[in-house]
Amino acid sequence: AEKCLIRSRNVLPIRIYSYYVLTKFYA
């Protein structure tokens, strides 16, 4: 799951939602 969410972030790093999801994931 972490790998997929990081890849989602890397495709479009300008999208803040990706960082938001990762914050919830690591929490």
PDB file of all heavy atoms in Angstrom:
ATOM      1  N   ALA A   1       0.835  -1.206   0.000  1.00  0.00           N
ATOM      2  CA  ALA A   1       0.000   0.000   0.000  1.00  0.00           C
ATOM      3  C   ALA A   1       0.866   1.251   0.000  1.00  0.00           C
ATOM      4  O   ALA A   1       0.601   2.209  -0.740  1.00  0.00           O
ATOM      5  CB  ALA A   1      -0.920  -0.006   1.220  1.00  0.00           C
ATOM      6  N   GLU A   2       1.910   1.248   0.818  1.00  0.00           N
ATOM      7  CA  GLU A   2       2.802   2.410   0.887  1.00  0.00           C
ATOM      8  C   GLU A   2       3.464   2.659  -0.464  1.00  0.00           C
ATOM      9  O   GLU A   2       3.546   3.806  -0.934  1.00  0.00           O
ATOM     10  CB  GLU A   2       3.863   2.186   1.960  1.00  0.00           C
ATOM     11  CG  GLU A   2       4.815   3.365   2.113  1.00  0.00           C
ATOM     12  CD  GLU A   2       5.918   3.095   3.106  1.00  0.00           C
ATOM     13  OE1 GLU A   2       6.101   1.932   3.510  1.00  0.00           O
ATOM     14  OE2 GLU A   2       6.633   4.060   3.474  1.00  0.00           O
ATOM     15  N   LYS A   3       3.934   1.603  -1.109  1.00  0.00           N
ATOM     16  CA  LYS A   3       4.585   1.754  -2.417  1.00  0.00           C
ATOM     17  C   LYS A   3       3.631   2.366  -3.444  1.00  0.00           C
ATOM     18  O   LYS A   3       4.010   3.257  -4.204  1.00  0.00           O
ATOM     19  CB  LYS A   3       5.084   0.391  -2.909  1.00  0.00           C
ATOM     20  CG  LYS A   3       6.283  -0.140  -2.143  1.00  0.00           C
ATOM     21  CD  LYS A   3       6.706  -1.496  -2.679  1.00  0.00           C
ATOM     22  CE  LYS A   3       7.904  -2.054  -1.906  1.00  0.00           C
ATOM     23  NZ  LYS A   3       8.293  -3.402  -2.390  1.00  0.00           N
ATOM     24  N   CYS A   4       2.393   1.887  -3.450  1.00  0.00           N
ATOM     25  CA  CYS A   4       1.408   2.399  -4.415  1.00  0.00           C
ATOM     26  C   CYS A   4       1.061   3.863  -4.140  1.00  0.00           C
ATOM     27  O   CYS A   4       0.946   4.665  -5.076  1.00  0.00           O
ATOM     28  CB  CYS A   4       0.146   1.548  -4.372  1.00  0.00           C
ATOM     29  SG  CYS A   4       0.340  -0.113  -5.047  1.00  0.00           S
ATOM     30  N   LEU A   5       0.887   4.220  -2.884  1.00  0.00           N
ATOM     31  CA  LEU A   5       0.552   5.601  -2.540  1.00  0.00           C
ATOM     32  C   LEU A   5       1.715   6.539  -2.846  1.00  0.00           C
ATOM     33  O   LEU A   5       1.490   7.693  -3.265  1.00  0.00           O
ATOM     34  CB  LEU A   5       0.160   5.696  -1.068  1.00  0.00           C
ATOM     35  CG  LEU A   5      -1.148   4.984  -0.684  1.00  0.00           C
ATOM     36  CD1 LEU A   5      -1.373   5.041   0.816  1.00  0.00           C
ATOM     37  CD2 LEU A   5      -2.340   5.585  -1.427  1.00  0.00           C
ATOM     38  N   ILE A   6       2.940   6.071  -2.646  1.00  0.00           N
ATOM     39  CA  ILE A   6       4.106   6.889  -2.998  1.00  0.00           C
ATOM     40  C   ILE A   6       4.189   7.066  -4.519  1.00  0.00           C
ATOM     41  O   ILE A   6       4.487   8.165  -5.018  1.00  0.00           O
ATOM     42  CB  ILE A   6       5.394   6.254  -2.444  1.00  0.00           C
ATOM     43  CG1 ILE A   6       5.418   6.401  -0.920  1.00  0.00           C
ATOM     44  CG2 ILE A   6       6.634   6.895  -3.056  1.00  0.00           C
ATOM     45  CD1 ILE A   6       6.565   5.676  -0.254  1.00  0.00           C
ATOM     46  N   ARG A   7       3.912   6.010  -5.267  1.00  0.00           N
ATOM     47  CA  ARG A   7       3.921   6.117  -6.728  1.00  0.00           C
ATOM     48  C   ARG A   7       2.812   7.057  -7.211  1.00  0.00           C
ATOM     49  O   ARG A   7       3.005   7.813  -8.164  1.00  0.00           O
ATOM     50  CB  ARG A   7       3.768   4.732  -7.366  1.00  0.00           C
ATOM     51  CG  ARG A   7       4.944   3.813  -7.087  1.00  0.00           C
ATOM     52  CD  ARG A   7       4.914   2.573  -7.953  1.00  0.00           C
ATOM     53  NE  ARG A   7       5.219   2.887  -9.344  1.00  0.00           N
ATOM     54  CZ  ARG A   7       5.417   1.974 -10.284  1.00  0.00           C
ATOM     55  NH1 ARG A   7       5.345   0.686  -9.976  1.00  0.00           N
ATOM     56  NH2 ARG A   7       5.693   2.330 -11.519  1.00  0.00           N
ATOM     57  N   SER A   8       1.671   7.020  -6.531  1.00  0.00           N
ATOM     58  CA  SER A   8       0.590   7.954  -6.851  1.00  0.00           C
ATOM     59  C   SER A   8       1.058   9.388  -6.655  1.00  0.00           C
ATOM     60  O   SER A   8       0.781  10.258  -7.478  1.00  0.00           O
ATOM     61  CB  SER A   8      -0.620   7.661  -5.966  1.00  0.00           C
ATOM     62  OG  SER A   8      -1.625   8.637  -6.139  1.00  0.00           O
ATOM     63  N   ARG A   9       1.774   9.632  -5.562  1.00  0.00           N
ATOM     64  CA  ARG A   9       2.299  10.982  -5.292  1.00  0.00           C
ATOM     65  C   ARG A   9       3.325  11.389  -6.335  1.00  0.00           C
ATOM     66  O   ARG A   9       3.346  12.540  -6.798  1.00  0.00           O
ATOM     67  CB  ARG A   9       2.936  11.001  -3.911  1.00  0.00           C
ATOM     68  CG  ARG A   9       3.556  12.339  -3.523  1.00  0.00           C
ATOM     69  CD  ARG A   9       4.551  12.155  -2.398  1.00  0.00           C
ATOM     70  NE  ARG A   9       5.694  11.345  -2.825  1.00  0.00           N
ATOM     71  CZ  ARG A   9       6.595  10.850  -1.984  1.00  0.00           C
ATOM     72  NH1 ARG A   9       6.475  11.034  -0.681  1.00  0.00           N
ATOM     73  NH2 ARG A   9       7.615  10.128  -2.454  1.00  0.00           N
ATOM     74  N   ASN A  10       4.197  10.462  -6.741  1.00  0.00           N
ATOM     75  CA  ASN A  10       5.280  10.796  -7.664  1.00  0.00           C
ATOM     76  C   ASN A  10       4.803  11.115  -9.071  1.00  0.00           C
ATOM     77  O   ASN A  10       5.490  11.826  -9.807  1.00  0.00           O
ATOM     78  CB  ASN A  10       6.292   9.641  -7.718  1.00  0.00           C
ATOM     79  CG  ASN A  10       7.083   9.500  -6.432  1.00  0.00           C
ATOM     80  OD1 ASN A  10       7.180  10.445  -5.652  1.00  0.00           O
ATOM     81  ND2 ASN A  10       7.628   8.321  -6.197  1.00  0.00           N
ATOM     82  N   VAL A  11       3.665  10.576  -9.467  1.00  0.00           N
ATOM     83  CA  VAL A  11       3.156  10.865 -10.819  1.00  0.00           C
ATOM     84  C   VAL A  11       2.823  12.347 -10.950  1.00  0.00           C
ATOM     85  O   VAL A  11       3.170  12.991 -11.953  1.00  0.00           O
ATOM     86  CB  VAL A  11       1.918  10.004 -11.138  1.00  0.00           C
ATOM     87  CG1 VAL A  11       1.298  10.433 -12.468  1.00  0.00           C
ATOM     88  CG2 VAL A  11       2.299   8.532 -11.197  1.00  0.00           C
ATOM     89  N   LEU A  12       2.144  12.904  -9.937  1.00  0.00           N
ATOM     90  CA  LEU A  12       1.788  14.324  -9.940  1.00  0.00           C
ATOM     91  C   LEU A  12       2.060  14.906  -8.549  1.00  0.00           C
ATOM     92  O   LEU A  12       1.146  15.023  -7.726  1.00  0.00           O
ATOM     93  CB  LEU A  12       0.311  14.516 -10.310  1.00  0.00           C
ATOM     94  CG  LEU A  12      -0.080  14.339 -11.769  1.00  0.00           C
ATOM     95  CD1 LEU A  12      -1.585  14.453 -11.940  1.00  0.00           C
ATOM     96  CD2 LEU A  12       0.620  15.370 -12.644  1.00  0.00           C
ATOM     97  N   PRO A  13       3.289  15.282  -8.277  1.00  0.00           N
ATOM     98  CA  PRO A  13       3.627  15.754  -6.928  1.00  0.00           C
ATOM     99  C   PRO A  13       3.007  17.096  -6.557  1.00  0.00           C
ATOM    100  O   PRO A  13       3.062  17.485  -5.395  1.00  0.00           O
ATOM    101  CB  PRO A  13       5.161  15.846  -6.965  1.00  0.00           C
ATOM    102  CG  PRO A  13       5.513  15.952  -8.405  1.00  0.00           C
ATOM    103  CD  PRO A  13       4.470  15.188  -9.142  1.00  0.00           C
ATOM    104  N   ILE A  14       2.416  17.795  -7.522  1.00  0.00           N
ATOM    105  CA  ILE A  14       1.778  19.072  -7.201  1.00  0.00           C
ATOM    106  C   ILE A  14       0.456  18.873  -6.460  1.00  0.00           C
ATOM    107  O   ILE A  14      -0.031  19.773  -5.770  1.00  0.00           O
ATOM    108  CB  ILE A  14       1.537  19.894  -8.503  1.00  0.00           C
ATOM    109  CG1 ILE A  14       1.185  21.356  -8.187  1.00  0.00           C
ATOM    110  CG2 ILE A  14       0.439  19.254  -9.337  1.00  0.00           C
ATOM    111  CD1 ILE A  14       2.273  22.130  -7.538  1.00  0.00           C
ATOM    112  N   ARG A  15      -0.132  17.664  -6.574  1.00  0.00           N
ATOM    113  CA  ARG A  15      -1.424  17.397  -5.951  1.00  0.00           C
ATOM    114  C   ARG A  15      -1.262  17.182  -4.440  1.00  0.00           C
ATOM    115  O   ARG A  15      -0.619  16.228  -4.001  1.00  0.00           O
ATOM    116  CB  ARG A  15      -2.073  16.160  -6.580  1.00  0.00           C
ATOM    117  CG  ARG A  15      -2.316  16.281  -8.081  1.00  0.00           C
ATOM    118  CD  ARG A  15      -3.522  17.124  -8.380  1.00  0.00           C
ATOM    119  NE  ARG A  15      -3.716  17.312  -9.808  1.00  0.00           N
ATOM    120  CZ  ARG A  15      -4.368  16.467 -10.598  1.00  0.00           C
ATOM    121  NH1 ARG A  15      -4.880  15.365 -10.080  1.00  0.00           N
ATOM    122  NH2 ARG A  15      -4.510  16.722 -11.879  1.00  0.00           N
ATOM    123  N   ILE A  16      -1.846  18.054  -3.663  1.00  0.00           N
ATOM    124  CA  ILE A  16      -1.717  17.999  -2.206  1.00  0.00           C
ATOM    125  C   ILE A  16      -2.449  16.791  -1.628  1.00  0.00           C
ATOM    126  O   ILE A  16      -2.066  16.261  -0.579  1.00  0.00           O
ATOM    127  CB  ILE A  16      -2.230  19.319  -1.595  1.00  0.00           C
ATOM    128  CG1 ILE A  16      -1.273  20.460  -1.975  1.00  0.00           C
ATOM    129  CG2 ILE A  16      -2.369  19.233  -0.077  1.00  0.00           C
ATOM    130  CD1 ILE A  16      -1.691  21.814  -1.500  1.00  0.00           C
ATOM    131  N   TYR A  17      -3.464  16.319  -2.321  1.00  0.00           N
ATOM    132  CA  TYR A  17      -4.247  15.201  -1.794  1.00  0.00           C
ATOM    133  C   TYR A  17      -3.382  13.954  -1.562  1.00  0.00           C
ATOM    134  O   TYR A  17      -3.616  13.199  -0.613  1.00  0.00           O
ATOM    135  CB  TYR A  17      -5.393  14.868  -2.762  1.00  0.00           C
ATOM    136  CG  TYR A  17      -6.339  13.818  -2.225  1.00  0.00           C
ATOM    137  CD1 TYR A  17      -7.239  14.124  -1.214  1.00  0.00           C
ATOM    138  CD2 TYR A  17      -6.312  12.519  -2.712  1.00  0.00           C
ATOM    139  CE1 TYR A  17      -8.096  13.156  -0.696  1.00  0.00           C
ATOM    140  CE2 TYR A  17      -7.164  11.551  -2.216  1.00  0.00           C
ATOM    141  CZ  TYR A  17      -8.056  11.878  -1.216  1.00  0.00           C
ATOM    142  OH  TYR A  17      -8.898  10.915  -0.712  1.00  0.00           O
ATOM    143  N   SER A  18      -2.383  13.751  -2.401  1.00  0.00           N
ATOM    144  CA  SER A  18      -1.507  12.582  -2.244  1.00  0.00           C
ATOM    145  C   SER A  18      -0.770  12.629  -0.908  1.00  0.00           C
ATOM    146  O   SER A  18      -0.648  11.612  -0.213  1.00  0.00           O
ATOM    147  CB  SER A  18      -0.495  12.529  -3.387  1.00  0.00           C
ATOM    148  OG  SER A  18      -1.144  12.414  -4.631  1.00  0.00           O
ATOM    149  N   TYR A  19      -0.290  13.802  -0.544  1.00  0.00           N
ATOM    150  CA  TYR A  19       0.410  13.954   0.750  1.00  0.00           C
ATOM    151  C   TYR A  19      -0.569  13.801   1.916  1.00  0.00           C
ATOM    152  O   TYR A  19      -0.202  13.278   2.976  1.00  0.00           O
ATOM    153  CB  TYR A  19       1.094  15.317   0.808  1.00  0.00           C
ATOM    154  CG  TYR A  19       2.101  15.523  -0.290  1.00  0.00           C
ATOM    155  CD1 TYR A  19       1.758  16.202  -1.461  1.00  0.00           C
ATOM    156  CD2 TYR A  19       3.395  15.031  -0.182  1.00  0.00           C
ATOM    157  CE1 TYR A  19       2.672  16.398  -2.478  1.00  0.00           C
ATOM    158  CE2 TYR A  19       4.330  15.217  -1.202  1.00  0.00           C
ATOM    159  CZ  TYR A  19       3.952  15.901  -2.347  1.00  0.00           C
ATOM    160  OH  TYR A  19       4.868  16.090  -3.365  1.00  0.00           O
ATOM    161  N   TYR A  20      -1.788  14.249   1.709  1.00  0.00           N
ATOM    162  CA  TYR A  20      -2.822  14.113   2.740  1.00  0.00           C
ATOM    163  C   TYR A  20      -3.115  12.633   3.030  1.00  0.00           C
ATOM    164  O   TYR A  20      -3.194  12.218   4.190  1.00  0.00           O
ATOM    165  CB  TYR A  20      -4.084  14.837   2.281  1.00  0.00           C
ATOM    166  CG  TYR A  20      -5.304  14.584   3.126  1.00  0.00           C
ATOM    167  CD1 TYR A  20      -5.408  15.090   4.417  1.00  0.00           C
ATOM    168  CD2 TYR A  20      -6.364  13.821   2.625  1.00  0.00           C
ATOM    169  CE1 TYR A  20      -6.540  14.857   5.195  1.00  0.00           C
ATOM    170  CE2 TYR A  20      -7.491  13.581   3.386  1.00  0.00           C
ATOM    171  CZ  TYR A  20      -7.569  14.101   4.675  1.00  0.00           C
ATOM    172  OH  TYR A  20      -8.682  13.856   5.438  1.00  0.00           O
ATOM    173  N   VAL A  21      -3.247  11.843   1.967  1.00  0.00           N
ATOM    174  CA  VAL A  21      -3.507  10.406   2.130  1.00  0.00           C
ATOM    175  C   VAL A  21      -2.326   9.720   2.815  1.00  0.00           C
ATOM    176  O   VAL A  21      -2.503   8.876   3.703  1.00  0.00           O
ATOM    177  CB  VAL A  21      -3.807   9.752   0.771  1.00  0.00           C
ATOM    178  CG1 VAL A  21      -3.945   8.238   0.915  1.00  0.00           C
ATOM    179  CG2 VAL A  21      -5.084  10.325   0.171  1.00  0.00           C
ATOM    180  N   LEU A  22      -1.109  10.087   2.424  1.00  0.00           N
ATOM    181  CA  LEU A  22       0.073   9.497   3.056  1.00  0.00           C
ATOM    182  C   LEU A  22       0.171   9.884   4.536  1.00  0.00           C
ATOM    183  O   LEU A  22       0.602   9.083   5.366  1.00  0.00           O
ATOM    184  CB  LEU A  22       1.335   9.933   2.304  1.00  0.00           C
ATOM    185  CG  LEU A  22       1.628   9.169   1.013  1.00  0.00           C
ATOM    186  CD1 LEU A  22       2.718   9.870   0.211  1.00  0.00           C
ATOM    187  CD2 LEU A  22       2.031   7.724   1.308  1.00  0.00           C
ATOM    188  N   THR A  23      -0.242  11.100   4.864  1.00  0.00           N
ATOM    189  CA  THR A  23      -0.258  11.513   6.274  1.00  0.00           C
ATOM    190  C   THR A  23      -1.191  10.617   7.077  1.00  0.00           C
ATOM    191  O   THR A  23      -0.846  10.136   8.166  1.00  0.00           O
ATOM    192  CB  THR A  23      -0.708  12.988   6.395  1.00  0.00           C
ATOM    193  OG1 THR A  23       0.160  13.818   5.626  1.00  0.00           O
ATOM    194  CG2 THR A  23      -0.687  13.442   7.846  1.00  0.00           C
ATOM    195  N   LYS A  24      -2.376  10.375   6.538  1.00  0.00           N
ATOM    196  CA  LYS A  24      -3.330   9.498   7.220  1.00  0.00           C
ATOM    197  C   LYS A  24      -2.801   8.058   7.295  1.00  0.00           C
ATOM    198  O   LYS A  24      -3.000   7.361   8.292  1.00  0.00           O
ATOM    199  CB  LYS A  24      -4.665   9.527   6.490  1.00  0.00           C
ATOM    200  CG  LYS A  24      -5.402  10.862   6.583  1.00  0.00           C
ATOM    201  CD  LYS A  24      -6.675  10.871   5.770  1.00  0.00           C
ATOM    202  CE  LYS A  24      -7.677   9.867   6.300  1.00  0.00           C
ATOM    203  NZ  LYS A  24      -8.942   9.898   5.529  1.00  0.00           N
ATOM    204  N   PHE A  25      -2.122   7.626   6.229  1.00  0.00           N
ATOM    205  CA  PHE A  25      -1.585   6.267   6.199  1.00  0.00           C
ATOM    206  C   PHE A  25      -0.537   6.081   7.303  1.00  0.00           C
ATOM    207  O   PHE A  25      -0.565   5.083   8.048  1.00  0.00           O
ATOM    208  CB  PHE A  25      -0.970   5.987   4.827  1.00  0.00           C
ATOM    209  CG  PHE A  25      -0.301   4.645   4.718  1.00  0.00           C
ATOM    210  CD1 PHE A  25      -1.049   3.499   4.527  1.00  0.00           C
ATOM    211  CD2 PHE A  25       1.086   4.535   4.821  1.00  0.00           C
ATOM    212  CE1 PHE A  25      -0.429   2.257   4.436  1.00  0.00           C
ATOM    213  CE2 PHE A  25       1.710   3.300   4.721  1.00  0.00           C
ATOM    214  CZ  PHE A  25       0.945   2.163   4.535  1.00  0.00           C
ATOM    215  N   TYR A  26       0.399   7.040   7.402  1.00  0.00           N
ATOM    216  CA  TYR A  26       1.457   6.910   8.407  1.00  0.00           C
ATOM    217  C   TYR A  26       0.938   7.142   9.828  1.00  0.00           C
ATOM    218  O   TYR A  26       1.621   6.786  10.794  1.00  0.00           O
ATOM    219  CB  TYR A  26       2.595   7.883   8.099  1.00  0.00           C
ATOM    220  CG  TYR A  26       3.352   7.532   6.849  1.00  0.00           C
ATOM    221  CD1 TYR A  26       3.542   8.472   5.825  1.00  0.00           C
ATOM    222  CD2 TYR A  26       3.886   6.267   6.665  1.00  0.00           C
ATOM    223  CE1 TYR A  26       4.241   8.158   4.670  1.00  0.00           C
ATOM    224  CE2 TYR A  26       4.585   5.932   5.502  1.00  0.00           C
ATOM    225  CZ  TYR A  26       4.752   6.884   4.516  1.00  0.00           C
ATOM    226  OH  TYR A  26       5.442   6.565   3.367  1.00  0.00           O
ATOM    227  N   ALA A  27      -0.255   7.736   9.943  1.00  0.00           N
ATOM    228  CA  ALA A  27      -0.857   7.924  11.257  1.00  0.00           C
ATOM    229  C   ALA A  27      -1.655   6.702  11.711  1.00  0.00           C
ATOM    230  O   ALA A  27      -2.047   6.613  12.881  1.00  0.00           O
ATOM    231  CB  ALA A  27      -1.770   9.159  11.240  1.00  0.00           C
TER     232      ALA A  27
END
